[in-house]
Amino acid sequence: MALAVTARLAATPADSPVVEVSGLVTRFGAQLVHDGLDLAVYPDEVFGIIGGSGSGKSVLLRTILGLQRPVAGVVRIGGTDITRMSETELRRVKAGYGVEFQQGALYSGLTVLQNVQLPMIEHLELSSADRDELALLKIRLVGLPADAAAKYPAQLSGGMVKRAALARALALDPGLLFLDEPTSGLDPVSAAAFDDLVLFLQQQLRLTIVMITHDLDSIFRTCNRVGVIVDRRMESDTLERIVEHRHPWIQAYFHGERARARLGGAHGT
């Protein structure tokens, strides 16, 4: 079933969104978070989502993943509306995408190998030996040494935790990958190395990637298009065009003091 869902996502036509959000409204009591937000992510692209603190980036991700239901609007993955699905139906859709949550979200009482195997146990009928072999393959794929498989999360560096979480997200060979602040907490060298890994995997595995981030360097290194949550909606465009958007927050983000050197370098290439 996991392979069937992945195949359906991979077969999405190039001009049809892999992920589509239309008219999204989310609210917590009197707090309106999104008010008519639209988003479209197309096959084989890296789509970055940015926004200020409290703009609802994580709420948007949870809604796309089917972890919470919106007040109004539609979320489609691979052309299928997931907003009113039952848990059983959602389980089949979830088998077609991978998620790396912020801070890794690895189970501390399980080894790296066991963490990577969790999606396999849930969705695949494999022998123990086959699970071990497949999990080790994923661990090596993200650049971890083989001996990392037997270690627990507390024995890993921050960068290794990120890679282990990425290996788990890739456990079912998804065509769609969600990354939540993947470089947060990493030093600049480790963050750049992780960005390079993401790009390598995206190209080699033909992944469509949705990445929530506040890291300006990661955006310029990895993203084809960017969606910015402002005023409870989303402004989306290519990276080259979004930096020229006249919204004050977007101008401050891309043209503030910390962005000038990076943006100047991007224009110079």
C-alpha atoms as a PDB file:
ATOM      1  CA  MET A   1       0.000   0.000   0.000  1.00  0.00           C
ATOM      2  CA  ALA A   2       2.842   2.415   0.816  1.00  0.00           C
ATOM      3  CA  LEU A   3       4.427   1.769  -2.576  1.00  0.00           C
ATOM      4  CA  ALA A   4       1.082   2.339  -4.330  1.00  0.00           C
ATOM      5  CA  VAL A   5       0.617   5.739  -2.684  1.00  0.00           C
ATOM      6  CA  THR A   6       4.205   6.728  -3.489  1.00  0.00           C
ATOM      7  CA  ALA A   7       3.732   5.680  -7.116  1.00  0.00           C
ATOM      8  CA  ARG A   8       0.582   7.798  -7.360  1.00  0.00           C
ATOM      9  CA  LEU A   9       2.433  10.862  -6.047  1.00  0.00           C
ATOM     10  CA  ALA A  10       5.342  10.234  -8.412  1.00  0.00           C
ATOM     11  CA  ALA A  11       2.918  10.027 -11.350  1.00  0.00           C
ATOM     12  CA  THR A  12       1.519  13.518 -10.713  1.00  0.00           C
ATOM     13  CA  PRO A  13       1.753  15.528 -13.995  1.00  0.00           C
ATOM     14  CA  ALA A  14       4.384  18.269 -13.970  1.00  0.00           C
ATOM     15  CA  ASP A  15       1.722  20.983 -14.263  1.00  0.00           C
ATOM     16  CA  SER A  16      -0.458  19.560 -11.460  1.00  0.00           C
ATOM     17  CA  PRO A  17       0.308  20.301  -7.797  1.00  0.00           C
ATOM     18  CA  VAL A  18       1.600  17.515  -5.574  1.00  0.00           C
ATOM     19  CA  VAL A  19       0.385  19.567  -2.605  1.00  0.00           C
ATOM     20  CA  GLU A  20      -2.440  22.070  -2.964  1.00  0.00           C
ATOM     21  CA  VAL A  21      -4.095  24.210  -0.303  1.00  0.00           C
ATOM     22  CA  SER A  22      -7.133  26.287  -1.257  1.00  0.00           C
ATOM     23  CA  GLY A  23      -8.956  28.854   0.878  1.00  0.00           C
ATOM     24  CA  LEU A  24      -7.500  27.553   4.146  1.00  0.00           C
ATOM     25  CA  VAL A  25      -8.985  29.000   7.327  1.00  0.00           C
ATOM     26  CA  THR A  26      -7.615  27.900  10.705  1.00  0.00           C
ATOM     27  CA  ARG A  27      -8.605  29.298  14.038  1.00  0.00           C
ATOM     28  CA  PHE A  28      -7.964  28.628  17.725  1.00  0.00           C
ATOM     29  CA  GLY A  29     -10.811  30.142  19.676  1.00  0.00           C
ATOM     30  CA  ALA A  30     -10.826  33.859  18.862  1.00  0.00           C
ATOM     31  CA  GLN A  31      -7.368  33.698  17.248  1.00  0.00           C
ATOM     32  CA  LEU A  32      -7.548  33.603  13.458  1.00  0.00           C
ATOM     33  CA  VAL A  33      -4.307  32.045  12.136  1.00  0.00           C
ATOM     34  CA  HIS A  34      -4.994  31.629   8.401  1.00  0.00           C
ATOM     35  CA  ASP A  35      -7.705  33.407   6.444  1.00  0.00           C
ATOM     36  CA  GLY A  36      -8.032  32.150   2.880  1.00  0.00           C
ATOM     37  CA  LEU A  37      -4.474  30.858   2.477  1.00  0.00           C
ATOM     38  CA  ASP A  38      -3.588  29.250  -0.869  1.00  0.00           C
ATOM     39  CA  LEU A  39      -0.511  27.160  -1.688  1.00  0.00           C
ATOM     40  CA  ALA A  40       0.628  24.936  -4.552  1.00  0.00           C
ATOM     41  CA  VAL A  41       3.740  22.764  -4.698  1.00  0.00           C
ATOM     42  CA  TYR A  42       4.682  21.145  -7.997  1.00  0.00           C
ATOM     43  CA  PRO A  43       6.601  17.927  -8.775  1.00  0.00           C
ATOM     44  CA  ASP A  44      10.388  17.872  -8.296  1.00  0.00           C
ATOM     45  CA  GLU A  45      10.668  21.307  -6.693  1.00  0.00           C
ATOM     46  CA  VAL A  46      11.945  22.464  -3.322  1.00  0.00           C
ATOM     47  CA  PHE A  47       9.312  24.805  -1.923  1.00  0.00           C
ATOM     48  CA  GLY A  48      10.297  26.903   1.091  1.00  0.00           C
ATOM     49  CA  ILE A  49       7.770  28.265   3.572  1.00  0.00           C
ATOM     50  CA  ILE A  50       8.750  31.267   5.667  1.00  0.00           C
ATOM     51  CA  GLY A  51       6.974  33.751   7.891  1.00  0.00           C
ATOM     52  CA  GLY A  52       7.310  35.683  11.108  1.00  0.00           C
ATOM     53  CA  SER A  53       6.902  34.230  14.583  1.00  0.00           C
ATOM     54  CA  GLY A  54       3.253  33.366  15.144  1.00  0.00           C
ATOM     55  CA  SER A  55       2.411  33.480  11.442  1.00  0.00           C
ATOM     56  CA  GLY A  56       1.216  29.871  11.510  1.00  0.00           C
ATOM     57  CA  LYS A  57       3.973  27.962   9.701  1.00  0.00           C
ATOM     58  CA  SER A  58       3.779  24.943  11.999  1.00  0.00           C
ATOM     59  CA  VAL A  59      -0.032  25.075  12.039  1.00  0.00           C
ATOM     60  CA  LEU A  60       0.001  24.999   8.244  1.00  0.00           C
ATOM     61  CA  LEU A  61       2.309  21.980   8.225  1.00  0.00           C
ATOM     62  CA  ARG A  62       0.161  20.100  10.729  1.00  0.00           C
ATOM     63  CA  THR A  63      -2.917  20.830   8.615  1.00  0.00           C
ATOM     64  CA  ILE A  64      -1.247  19.613   5.416  1.00  0.00           C
ATOM     65  CA  LEU A  65      -0.148  16.450   7.209  1.00  0.00           C
ATOM     66  CA  GLY A  66      -3.702  15.787   8.359  1.00  0.00           C
ATOM     67  CA  LEU A  67      -2.825  16.190  12.042  1.00  0.00           C
ATOM     68  CA  GLN A  68      -5.503  18.850  12.500  1.00  0.00           C
ATOM     69  CA  ARG A  69      -8.548  19.870  10.530  1.00  0.00           C
ATOM     70  CA  PRO A  70      -9.132  23.390   9.216  1.00  0.00           C
ATOM     71  CA  VAL A  71     -12.238  25.472   9.847  1.00  0.00           C
ATOM     72  CA  ALA A  72     -12.599  25.867   6.080  1.00  0.00           C
ATOM     73  CA  GLY A  73     -10.693  25.174   2.915  1.00  0.00           C
ATOM     74  CA  VAL A  74      -9.262  22.138   1.175  1.00  0.00           C
ATOM     75  CA  VAL A  75      -5.915  20.342   1.341  1.00  0.00           C
ATOM     76  CA  ARG A  76      -5.049  17.997  -1.509  1.00  0.00           C
ATOM     77  CA  ILE A  77      -2.095  15.644  -1.695  1.00  0.00           C
ATOM     78  CA  GLY A  78      -1.576  14.000  -5.054  1.00  0.00           C
ATOM     79  CA  GLY A  79      -4.925  15.448  -6.125  1.00  0.00           C
ATOM     80  CA  THR A  80      -6.813  13.800  -3.251  1.00  0.00           C
ATOM     81  CA  ASP A  81      -8.710  15.903  -0.700  1.00  0.00           C
ATOM     82  CA  ILE A  82      -7.513  14.837   2.748  1.00  0.00           C
ATOM     83  CA  THR A  83      -9.425  17.332   4.881  1.00  0.00           C
ATOM     84  CA  ARG A  84     -12.404  15.088   5.549  1.00  0.00           C
ATOM     85  CA  MET A  85     -10.701  11.703   5.450  1.00  0.00           C
ATOM     86  CA  SER A  86     -11.075   9.109   8.166  1.00  0.00           C
ATOM     87  CA  GLU A  87      -7.998   8.023  10.130  1.00  0.00           C
ATOM     88  CA  THR A  88      -7.837   4.803   8.094  1.00  0.00           C
ATOM     89  CA  GLU A  89      -7.876   6.733   4.825  1.00  0.00           C
ATOM     90  CA  LEU A  90      -5.288   9.204   6.113  1.00  0.00           C
ATOM     91  CA  ARG A  91      -2.998   6.363   7.130  1.00  0.00           C
ATOM     92  CA  ARG A  92      -2.760   5.273   3.497  1.00  0.00           C
ATOM     93  CA  VAL A  93      -1.936   8.824   2.356  1.00  0.00           C
ATOM     94  CA  LYS A  94       0.694   9.247   5.090  1.00  0.00           C
ATOM     95  CA  ALA A  95       2.526   6.215   3.753  1.00  0.00           C
ATOM     96  CA  GLY A  96       3.271   8.211   0.602  1.00  0.00           C
ATOM     97  CA  TYR A  97       5.202  11.039   2.232  1.00  0.00           C
ATOM     98  CA  GLY A  98       8.029  11.422   4.729  1.00  0.00           C
ATOM     99  CA  VAL A  99       8.354  14.009   7.494  1.00  0.00           C
ATOM    100  CA  GLU A 100      11.353  15.266   9.412  1.00  0.00           C
ATOM    101  CA  PHE A 101      10.040  17.164  12.409  1.00  0.00           C
ATOM    102  CA  GLN A 102      11.890  19.980  14.126  1.00  0.00           C
ATOM    103  CA  GLN A 103      14.560  18.712  16.548  1.00  0.00           C
ATOM    104  CA  GLY A 104      14.345  15.277  14.906  1.00  0.00           C
ATOM    105  CA  ALA A 105      11.624  13.841  17.194  1.00  0.00           C
ATOM    106  CA  LEU A 106      13.484  10.537  17.499  1.00  0.00           C
ATOM    107  CA  TYR A 107      12.387   8.092  20.187  1.00  0.00           C
ATOM    108  CA  SER A 108      15.054   8.286  22.877  1.00  0.00           C
ATOM    109  CA  GLY A 109      14.590   4.672  24.006  1.00  0.00           C
ATOM    110  CA  LEU A 110      15.191   3.255  20.514  1.00  0.00           C
ATOM    111  CA  THR A 111      18.408   2.983  18.552  1.00  0.00           C
ATOM    112  CA  VAL A 112      18.834   4.818  15.263  1.00  0.00           C
ATOM    113  CA  LEU A 113      18.188   1.549  13.438  1.00  0.00           C
ATOM    114  CA  GLN A 114      14.968   0.963  15.368  1.00  0.00           C
ATOM    115  CA  ASN A 115      13.804   4.549  14.801  1.00  0.00           C
ATOM    116  CA  VAL A 116      14.297   4.194  11.054  1.00  0.00           C
ATOM    117  CA  GLN A 117      12.425   0.891  11.063  1.00  0.00           C
ATOM    118  CA  LEU A 118       9.268   2.277  12.703  1.00  0.00           C
ATOM    119  CA  PRO A 119       7.536   3.306   9.438  1.00  0.00           C
ATOM    120  CA  MET A 120       8.494  -0.044   7.912  1.00  0.00           C
ATOM    121  CA  ILE A 121       6.892  -1.945  10.765  1.00  0.00           C
ATOM    122  CA  GLU A 122       3.704   0.100  10.403  1.00  0.00           C
ATOM    123  CA  HIS A 123       3.333  -0.022   6.626  1.00  0.00           C
ATOM    124  CA  LEU A 124       5.456  -2.839   5.146  1.00  0.00           C
ATOM    125  CA  GLU A 125       5.393  -6.590   5.544  1.00  0.00           C
ATOM    126  CA  LEU A 126       9.082  -7.392   5.797  1.00  0.00           C
ATOM    127  CA  SER A 127      11.154  -9.940   7.640  1.00  0.00           C
ATOM    128  CA  SER A 128      13.399  -8.719  10.449  1.00  0.00           C
ATOM    129  CA  ALA A 129      16.468  -9.290   8.289  1.00  0.00           C
ATOM    130  CA  ASP A 130      14.998  -7.318   5.380  1.00  0.00           C
ATOM    131  CA  ARG A 131      14.058  -4.443   7.717  1.00  0.00           C
ATOM    132  CA  ASP A 132      17.610  -4.372   9.059  1.00  0.00           C
ATOM    133  CA  GLU A 133      19.066  -4.294   5.560  1.00  0.00           C
ATOM    134  CA  LEU A 134      16.691  -1.580   4.330  1.00  0.00           C
ATOM    135  CA  ALA A 135      17.169   0.572   7.440  1.00  0.00           C
ATOM    136  CA  LEU A 136      20.953   0.339   7.138  1.00  0.00           C
ATOM    137  CA  LEU A 137      20.675   1.410   3.518  1.00  0.00           C
ATOM    138  CA  LYS A 138      18.721   4.526   4.557  1.00  0.00           C
ATOM    139  CA  ILE A 139      21.230   5.294   7.305  1.00  0.00           C
ATOM    140  CA  ARG A 140      24.119   5.165   4.841  1.00  0.00           C
ATOM    141  CA  LEU A 141      22.102   7.147   2.299  1.00  0.00           C
ATOM    142  CA  VAL A 142      21.998  10.186   4.600  1.00  0.00           C
ATOM    143  CA  GLY A 143      25.732  10.049   5.232  1.00  0.00           C
ATOM    144  CA  LEU A 144      25.795   8.418   8.660  1.00  0.00           C
ATOM    145  CA  PRO A 145      28.438   5.774   9.441  1.00  0.00           C
ATOM    146  CA  ALA A 146      27.203   2.208   9.795  1.00  0.00           C
ATOM    147  CA  ASP A 147      28.019   2.148  13.532  1.00  0.00           C
ATOM    148  CA  ALA A 148      25.490   4.950  14.107  1.00  0.00           C
ATOM    149  CA  ALA A 149      22.730   2.356  13.670  1.00  0.00           C
ATOM    150  CA  ALA A 150      23.340   0.894  17.117  1.00  0.00           C
ATOM    151  CA  LYS A 151      23.517   4.244  18.903  1.00  0.00           C
ATOM    152  CA  TYR A 152      20.748   5.997  20.808  1.00  0.00           C
ATOM    153  CA  PRO A 153      19.738   9.598  20.017  1.00  0.00           C
ATOM    154  CA  ALA A 154      21.468  10.922  23.153  1.00  0.00           C
ATOM    155  CA  GLN A 155      24.768   9.551  21.815  1.00  0.00           C
ATOM    156  CA  LEU A 156      24.535  11.561  18.595  1.00  0.00           C
ATOM    157  CA  SER A 157      25.586  15.098  17.717  1.00  0.00           C
ATOM    158  CA  GLY A 158      22.927  17.557  16.618  1.00  0.00           C
ATOM    159  CA  GLY A 159      23.830  17.089  12.985  1.00  0.00           C
ATOM    160  CA  MET A 160      23.676  13.303  13.290  1.00  0.00           C
ATOM    161  CA  VAL A 161      20.223  13.520  14.888  1.00  0.00           C
ATOM    162  CA  LYS A 162      19.027  15.530  11.888  1.00  0.00           C
ATOM    163  CA  ARG A 163      20.401  12.914   9.505  1.00  0.00           C
ATOM    164  CA  ALA A 164      18.913  10.023  11.476  1.00  0.00           C
ATOM    165  CA  ALA A 165      15.508  11.728  11.402  1.00  0.00           C
ATOM    166  CA  LEU A 166      15.921  12.218   7.658  1.00  0.00           C
ATOM    167  CA  ALA A 167      16.711   8.517   7.224  1.00  0.00           C
ATOM    168  CA  ARG A 168      13.467   7.674   9.032  1.00  0.00           C
ATOM    169  CA  ALA A 169      11.557  10.119   6.818  1.00  0.00           C
ATOM    170  CA  LEU A 170      12.921   8.278   3.766  1.00  0.00           C
ATOM    171  CA  ALA A 171      12.149   4.811   5.135  1.00  0.00           C
ATOM    172  CA  LEU A 172       9.234   4.139   2.767  1.00  0.00           C
ATOM    173  CA  ASP A 173      10.836   5.654  -0.354  1.00  0.00           C
ATOM    174  CA  PRO A 174       8.397   8.598  -0.433  1.00  0.00           C
ATOM    175  CA  GLY A 175       8.035  10.878  -3.418  1.00  0.00           C
ATOM    176  CA  LEU A 176       7.110  13.792  -1.153  1.00  0.00           C
ATOM    177  CA  LEU A 177       9.197  15.010   1.781  1.00  0.00           C
ATOM    178  CA  PHE A 178       8.338  17.593   4.462  1.00  0.00           C
ATOM    179  CA  LEU A 179      11.154  19.230   6.435  1.00  0.00           C
ATOM    180  CA  ASP A 180      10.389  21.340   9.516  1.00  0.00           C
ATOM    181  CA  GLU A 181      13.248  23.747  10.329  1.00  0.00           C
ATOM    182  CA  PRO A 182      15.833  21.166   9.198  1.00  0.00           C
ATOM    183  CA  THR A 183      18.914  23.296   9.933  1.00  0.00           C
ATOM    184  CA  SER A 184      17.800  24.885  13.213  1.00  0.00           C
ATOM    185  CA  GLY A 185      20.427  24.515  15.929  1.00  0.00           C
ATOM    186  CA  LEU A 186      23.216  23.636  13.505  1.00  0.00           C
ATOM    187  CA  ASP A 187      26.388  25.646  13.044  1.00  0.00           C
ATOM    188  CA  PRO A 188      26.820  27.242   9.588  1.00  0.00           C
ATOM    189  CA  VAL A 189      29.139  24.514   8.286  1.00  0.00           C
ATOM    190  CA  SER A 190      26.837  21.690   9.409  1.00  0.00           C
ATOM    191  CA  ALA A 191      23.791  23.548   8.070  1.00  0.00           C
ATOM    192  CA  ALA A 192      25.420  23.961   4.660  1.00  0.00           C
ATOM    193  CA  ALA A 193      26.345  20.268   4.602  1.00  0.00           C
ATOM    194  CA  PHE A 194      22.755  19.325   5.429  1.00  0.00           C
ATOM    195  CA  ASP A 195      21.454  21.592   2.659  1.00  0.00           C
ATOM    196  CA  ASP A 196      23.830  19.892   0.225  1.00  0.00           C
ATOM    197  CA  LEU A 197      22.536  16.502   1.358  1.00  0.00           C
ATOM    198  CA  VAL A 198      18.922  17.585   0.846  1.00  0.00           C
ATOM    199  CA  LEU A 199      19.698  18.769  -2.683  1.00  0.00           C
ATOM    200  CA  PHE A 200      21.582  15.573  -3.488  1.00  0.00           C
ATOM    201  CA  LEU A 201      18.704  13.398  -2.287  1.00  0.00           C
ATOM    202  CA  GLN A 202      16.137  15.567  -4.049  1.00  0.00           C
ATOM    203  CA  GLN A 203      17.935  15.142  -7.357  1.00  0.00           C
ATOM    204  CA  GLN A 204      18.833  11.464  -6.980  1.00  0.00           C
ATOM    205  CA  LEU A 205      15.454  10.324  -5.624  1.00  0.00           C
ATOM    206  CA  ARG A 206      13.301  12.785  -7.619  1.00  0.00           C
ATOM    207  CA  LEU A 207      11.756  14.145  -4.450  1.00  0.00           C
ATOM    208  CA  THR A 208       9.277  16.971  -4.110  1.00  0.00           C
ATOM    209  CA  ILE A 209      10.232  18.819  -0.939  1.00  0.00           C
ATOM    210  CA  VAL A 210       8.284  21.233   1.246  1.00  0.00           C
ATOM    211  CA  MET A 211      10.574  22.933   3.754  1.00  0.00           C
ATOM    212  CA  ILE A 212       9.620  25.233   6.607  1.00  0.00           C
ATOM    213  CA  THR A 213      12.619  27.321   7.574  1.00  0.00           C
ATOM    214  CA  HIS A 214      13.787  30.654   8.917  1.00  0.00           C
ATOM    215  CA  ASP A 215      17.332  30.082   7.605  1.00  0.00           C
ATOM    216  CA  LEU A 216      18.002  32.606   4.837  1.00  0.00           C
ATOM    217  CA  ASP A 217      21.087  30.731   3.627  1.00  0.00           C
ATOM    218  CA  SER A 218      19.103  27.492   3.294  1.00  0.00           C
ATOM    219  CA  ILE A 219      16.456  29.268   1.245  1.00  0.00           C
ATOM    220  CA  PHE A 220      19.010  30.592  -1.222  1.00  0.00           C
ATOM    221  CA  ARG A 221      20.871  27.284  -1.391  1.00  0.00           C
ATOM    222  CA  THR A 222      17.925  24.946  -1.853  1.00  0.00           C
ATOM    223  CA  CYS A 223      14.599  26.525  -2.831  1.00  0.00           C
ATOM    224  CA  ASN A 224      13.103  26.868  -6.310  1.00  0.00           C
ATOM    225  CA  ARG A 225      10.061  28.753  -5.048  1.00  0.00           C
ATOM    226  CA  VAL A 226       9.122  30.365  -1.766  1.00  0.00           C
ATOM    227  CA  GLY A 227       5.810  30.938   0.006  1.00  0.00           C
ATOM    228  CA  VAL A 228       5.692  33.693   2.626  1.00  0.00           C
ATOM    229  CA  ILE A 229       2.897  33.771   5.196  1.00  0.00           C
ATOM    230  CA  VAL A 230       1.899  37.398   5.706  1.00  0.00           C
ATOM    231  CA  ASP A 231      -1.416  38.848   6.853  1.00  0.00           C
ATOM    232  CA  ARG A 232      -2.770  35.289   7.374  1.00  0.00           C
ATOM    233  CA  ARG A 233      -2.336  34.439   3.687  1.00  0.00           C
ATOM    234  CA  MET A 234       0.524  33.298   1.490  1.00  0.00           C
ATOM    235  CA  GLU A 235       2.490  35.150  -1.169  1.00  0.00           C
ATOM    236  CA  SER A 236       4.258  32.614  -3.424  1.00  0.00           C
ATOM    237  CA  ASP A 237       6.723  33.082  -6.258  1.00  0.00           C
ATOM    238  CA  THR A 238      10.134  32.126  -7.532  1.00  0.00           C
ATOM    239  CA  LEU A 239      13.027  33.067  -5.274  1.00  0.00           C
ATOM    240  CA  GLU A 240      14.170  35.707  -7.756  1.00  0.00           C
ATOM    241  CA  ARG A 241      10.750  37.392  -7.755  1.00  0.00           C
ATOM    242  CA  ILE A 242       9.713  36.997  -4.131  1.00  0.00           C
ATOM    243  CA  VAL A 243      12.680  39.055  -2.938  1.00  0.00           C
ATOM    244  CA  GLU A 244      11.230  42.028  -4.868  1.00  0.00           C
ATOM    245  CA  HIS A 245       7.755  41.745  -3.316  1.00  0.00           C
ATOM    246  CA  ARG A 246       6.725  45.047  -1.775  1.00  0.00           C
ATOM    247  CA  HIS A 247       5.160  43.710   1.418  1.00  0.00           C
ATOM    248  CA  PRO A 248       7.020  45.311   4.369  1.00  0.00           C
ATOM    249  CA  TRP A 249       7.771  42.018   6.146  1.00  0.00           C
ATOM    250  CA  ILE A 250       9.104  40.409   2.962  1.00  0.00           C
ATOM    251  CA  GLN A 251      11.247  43.478   2.284  1.00  0.00           C
ATOM    252  CA  ALA A 252      12.604  43.409   5.839  1.00  0.00           C
ATOM    253  CA  TYR A 253      13.355  39.693   5.642  1.00  0.00           C
ATOM    254  CA  PHE A 254      15.129  39.689   2.289  1.00  0.00           C
ATOM    255  CA  HIS A 255      16.662  43.170   2.374  1.00  0.00           C
ATOM    256  CA  GLY A 256      17.478  43.662   6.039  1.00  0.00           C
ATOM    257  CA  GLU A 257      21.045  43.981   7.265  1.00  0.00           C
ATOM    258  CA  ARG A 258      21.616  40.252   7.679  1.00  0.00           C
ATOM    259  CA  ALA A 259      20.300  39.568   4.166  1.00  0.00           C
ATOM    260  CA  ARG A 260      22.220  42.197   2.193  1.00  0.00           C
ATOM    261  CA  ALA A 261      25.447  40.269   1.734  1.00  0.00           C
ATOM    262  CA  ARG A 262      23.644  37.018   0.834  1.00  0.00           C
ATOM    263  CA  LEU A 263      21.216  38.711  -1.524  1.00  0.00           C
ATOM    264  CA  GLY A 264      24.000  40.659  -3.206  1.00  0.00           C
ATOM    265  CA  GLY A 265      25.862  37.416  -3.827  1.00  0.00           C
ATOM    266  CA  ALA A 266      22.740  35.815  -5.294  1.00  0.00           C
ATOM    267  CA  HIS A 267      22.229  38.696  -7.712  1.00  0.00           C
ATOM    268  CA  GLY A 268      25.861  38.516  -8.701  1.00  0.00           C
ATOM    269  CA  THR A 269      25.676  34.888  -9.842  1.00  0.00           C
END
